[in-house]
């Protein structure tokens, strides 16, 4: 039972964070080209705490619950899939710390820089959205596996 609860919480957090990440990357970052240089720092300062609370925190919690799945998960979920999810999430976090956060800090202090925004968009696609999209697909597969085993058992 504990494994099922951990899995459902991880599933919900991963899907929430995937959606939020896609909105951030496809909608928010792409619109930064339309913000004037005079307004950009105020906008960036306004949005940063909201992104931290509504995107970064749930993503971090999703990672924590994914790690907990090493010990607590439904028996039908193979351990390799949990390790793969964690590895993909680590790509997201390493990329965030080494690439995206430094870009965000430069944008916050220096103001609007279209080359930096473009670099943020490109690296966000390959190093965050793609791994997290694959993570969501793996969680969907895990859910199908769990539901399939439950149906067969019932």
Protein backbone atom coordinates (compact mmCIF):
# COMPACT_ATOMS: atom_id res chain seq x y z
CA UNK A 1 0.00 0.00 0.00
CA UNK A 2 2.82 2.43 0.92
CA UNK A 3 4.42 1.78 -2.48
CA UNK A 4 1.19 2.62 -4.27
CA UNK A 5 0.85 5.92 -2.41
CA UNK A 6 4.45 6.92 -3.16
CA UNK A 7 3.95 5.97 -6.81
CA UNK A 8 0.69 7.92 -7.20
CA UNK A 9 2.24 11.02 -5.62
CA UNK A 10 5.34 10.72 -7.85
CA UNK A 11 3.10 10.19 -10.90
CA UNK A 12 1.01 13.28 -10.12
CA UNK A 13 4.05 15.46 -9.44
CA UNK A 14 5.85 14.32 -12.59
CA UNK A 15 2.82 15.01 -14.77
CA UNK A 16 2.17 18.37 -13.12
CA UNK A 17 5.83 19.38 -13.49
CA UNK A 18 5.95 18.16 -17.09
CA UNK A 19 2.98 20.34 -17.98
CA UNK A 20 4.38 23.33 -16.10
CA UNK A 21 7.78 22.85 -17.72
CA UNK A 22 6.25 22.71 -21.18
CA UNK A 23 4.26 25.90 -20.53
CA UNK A 24 7.40 27.59 -19.20
CA UNK A 25 9.48 26.51 -22.20
CA UNK A 26 6.98 26.80 -25.05
CA UNK A 27 4.97 29.81 -23.87
CA UNK A 28 6.95 31.83 -21.35
CA UNK A 29 10.51 31.66 -22.71
CA UNK A 30 9.33 32.15 -26.29
CA UNK A 31 7.48 35.32 -25.31
CA UNK A 32 10.60 36.91 -23.81
CA UNK A 33 11.56 38.12 -27.29
CA UNK A 34 8.50 40.39 -27.13
CA UNK A 35 9.35 42.07 -23.82
CA UNK A 36 11.18 45.37 -24.07
CA UNK A 37 14.61 45.74 -22.47
CA UNK A 38 13.28 48.43 -20.07
CA UNK A 39 10.60 46.07 -18.71
CA UNK A 40 12.51 42.81 -18.76
CA UNK A 41 14.23 42.95 -15.37
CA UNK A 42 10.99 43.88 -13.59
CA UNK A 43 9.20 41.05 -15.40
CA UNK A 44 11.98 38.57 -14.59
CA UNK A 45 11.98 39.64 -10.93
CA UNK A 46 8.19 39.23 -10.82
CA UNK A 47 8.08 35.78 -12.42
CA UNK A 48 11.09 34.15 -10.68
CA UNK A 49 9.49 33.47 -7.26
CA UNK A 50 6.38 32.13 -8.98
CA UNK A 51 8.45 29.76 -11.12
CA UNK A 52 10.31 28.59 -8.02
CA UNK A 53 7.07 27.90 -6.12
CA UNK A 54 4.93 26.50 -8.94
CA UNK A 55 7.53 24.72 -11.09
CA UNK A 56 10.82 24.10 -9.29
CA UNK A 57 9.34 22.96 -5.97
CA UNK A 58 6.91 20.42 -7.50
CA UNK A 59 9.69 19.17 -9.80
CA UNK A 60 12.00 18.72 -6.80
CA UNK A 61 9.26 16.89 -4.90
CA UNK A 62 8.70 14.68 -7.96
CA UNK A 63 12.38 13.77 -7.86
CA UNK A 64 12.21 13.01 -4.13
CA UNK A 65 9.19 10.74 -4.59
CA UNK A 66 10.86 9.08 -7.59
CA UNK A 67 13.85 8.29 -5.39
CA UNK A 68 11.53 6.94 -2.69
CA UNK A 69 10.23 4.52 -5.31
CA UNK A 70 13.55 2.67 -5.02
CA UNK A 71 12.16 1.35 -1.72
CA UNK A 72 8.42 1.92 -2.00
CA UNK A 73 6.70 1.07 -5.27
CA UNK A 74 4.07 -1.33 -6.53
CA UNK A 75 5.62 -4.76 -7.17
CA UNK A 76 4.75 -4.61 -10.89
CA UNK A 77 7.08 -1.64 -11.48
CA UNK A 78 10.56 -2.91 -12.36
CA UNK A 79 13.48 -1.33 -10.54
CA UNK A 80 15.27 -0.50 -13.82
CA UNK A 81 12.45 1.89 -14.77
CA UNK A 82 12.83 3.74 -11.47
CA UNK A 83 16.59 4.05 -11.99
CA UNK A 84 16.00 5.32 -15.53
CA UNK A 85 13.53 7.94 -14.28
CA UNK A 86 16.01 9.09 -11.63
CA UNK A 87 18.82 9.29 -14.21
CA UNK A 88 16.64 11.42 -16.51
CA UNK A 89 15.71 13.67 -13.59
CA UNK A 90 19.40 14.06 -12.74
CA UNK A 91 20.02 15.30 -16.30
CA UNK A 92 17.36 17.93 -15.63
CA UNK A 93 18.92 19.01 -12.33
CA UNK A 94 22.54 19.03 -13.54
CA UNK A 95 21.49 21.03 -16.59
CA UNK A 96 19.51 23.43 -14.41
CA UNK A 97 22.42 24.05 -12.04
CA UNK A 98 25.18 24.24 -14.63
CA UNK A 99 23.43 25.92 -17.59
CA UNK A 100 19.93 27.34 -17.06
CA UNK A 101 20.35 28.91 -13.61
CA UNK A 102 23.55 30.76 -14.61
CA UNK A 103 21.73 32.10 -17.70
CA UNK A 104 18.76 33.15 -15.55
CA UNK A 105 21.10 34.93 -13.10
CA UNK A 106 22.75 36.82 -15.98
CA UNK A 107 19.35 37.83 -17.33
CA UNK A 108 18.32 39.01 -13.86
CA UNK A 109 21.41 41.16 -13.35
CA UNK A 110 22.26 42.24 -16.91
CA UNK A 111 18.77 42.56 -18.32
CA UNK A 112 17.39 41.31 -21.59
CA UNK A 113 19.84 39.57 -23.89
CA UNK A 114 18.31 37.85 -26.91
CA UNK A 115 21.37 35.57 -27.36
CA UNK A 116 21.02 34.44 -23.72
CA UNK A 117 17.27 33.91 -24.13
CA UNK A 118 17.92 31.87 -27.27
CA UNK A 119 20.57 29.82 -25.44
CA UNK A 120 18.09 29.25 -22.60
CA UNK A 121 15.42 28.06 -25.07
CA UNK A 122 17.76 25.66 -26.90
CA UNK A 123 19.32 24.14 -23.79
CA UNK A 124 15.93 23.93 -22.10
CA UNK A 125 14.61 21.84 -24.98
CA UNK A 126 17.38 19.25 -25.12
CA UNK A 127 18.46 19.14 -21.50
CA UNK A 128 15.22 19.63 -19.58
CA UNK A 129 12.05 19.21 -21.64
CA UNK A 130 13.17 16.12 -23.54
CA UNK A 131 14.41 14.17 -20.48
CA UNK A 132 11.35 15.18 -18.47
CA UNK A 133 9.03 14.30 -21.36
CA UNK A 134 10.63 10.85 -21.47
CA UNK A 135 10.20 10.66 -17.69
CA UNK A 136 6.48 11.36 -18.09
CA UNK A 137 6.19 8.64 -20.75
CA UNK A 138 7.92 6.19 -18.40
CA UNK A 139 5.52 7.10 -15.60
CA UNK A 140 2.58 6.61 -17.95
CA UNK A 141 3.98 3.18 -18.85
CA UNK A 142 4.40 2.42 -15.13
CA UNK A 143 0.78 3.41 -14.48
CA UNK A 144 -0.44 1.22 -17.33
CA UNK A 145 1.67 -1.63 -15.92
CA UNK A 146 0.26 -1.16 -12.42
CA UNK A 147 -3.33 -0.91 -13.67
CA UNK A 148 -2.85 -3.92 -15.93
CA UNK A 149 -1.53 -6.04 -13.05
CA UNK A 150 -4.42 -4.93 -10.86
CA UNK A 151 -6.94 -5.90 -13.53
CA UNK A 152 -5.34 -9.28 -14.05
CA UNK A 153 -5.31 -9.90 -10.30
CA UNK A 154 -8.91 -8.77 -9.86
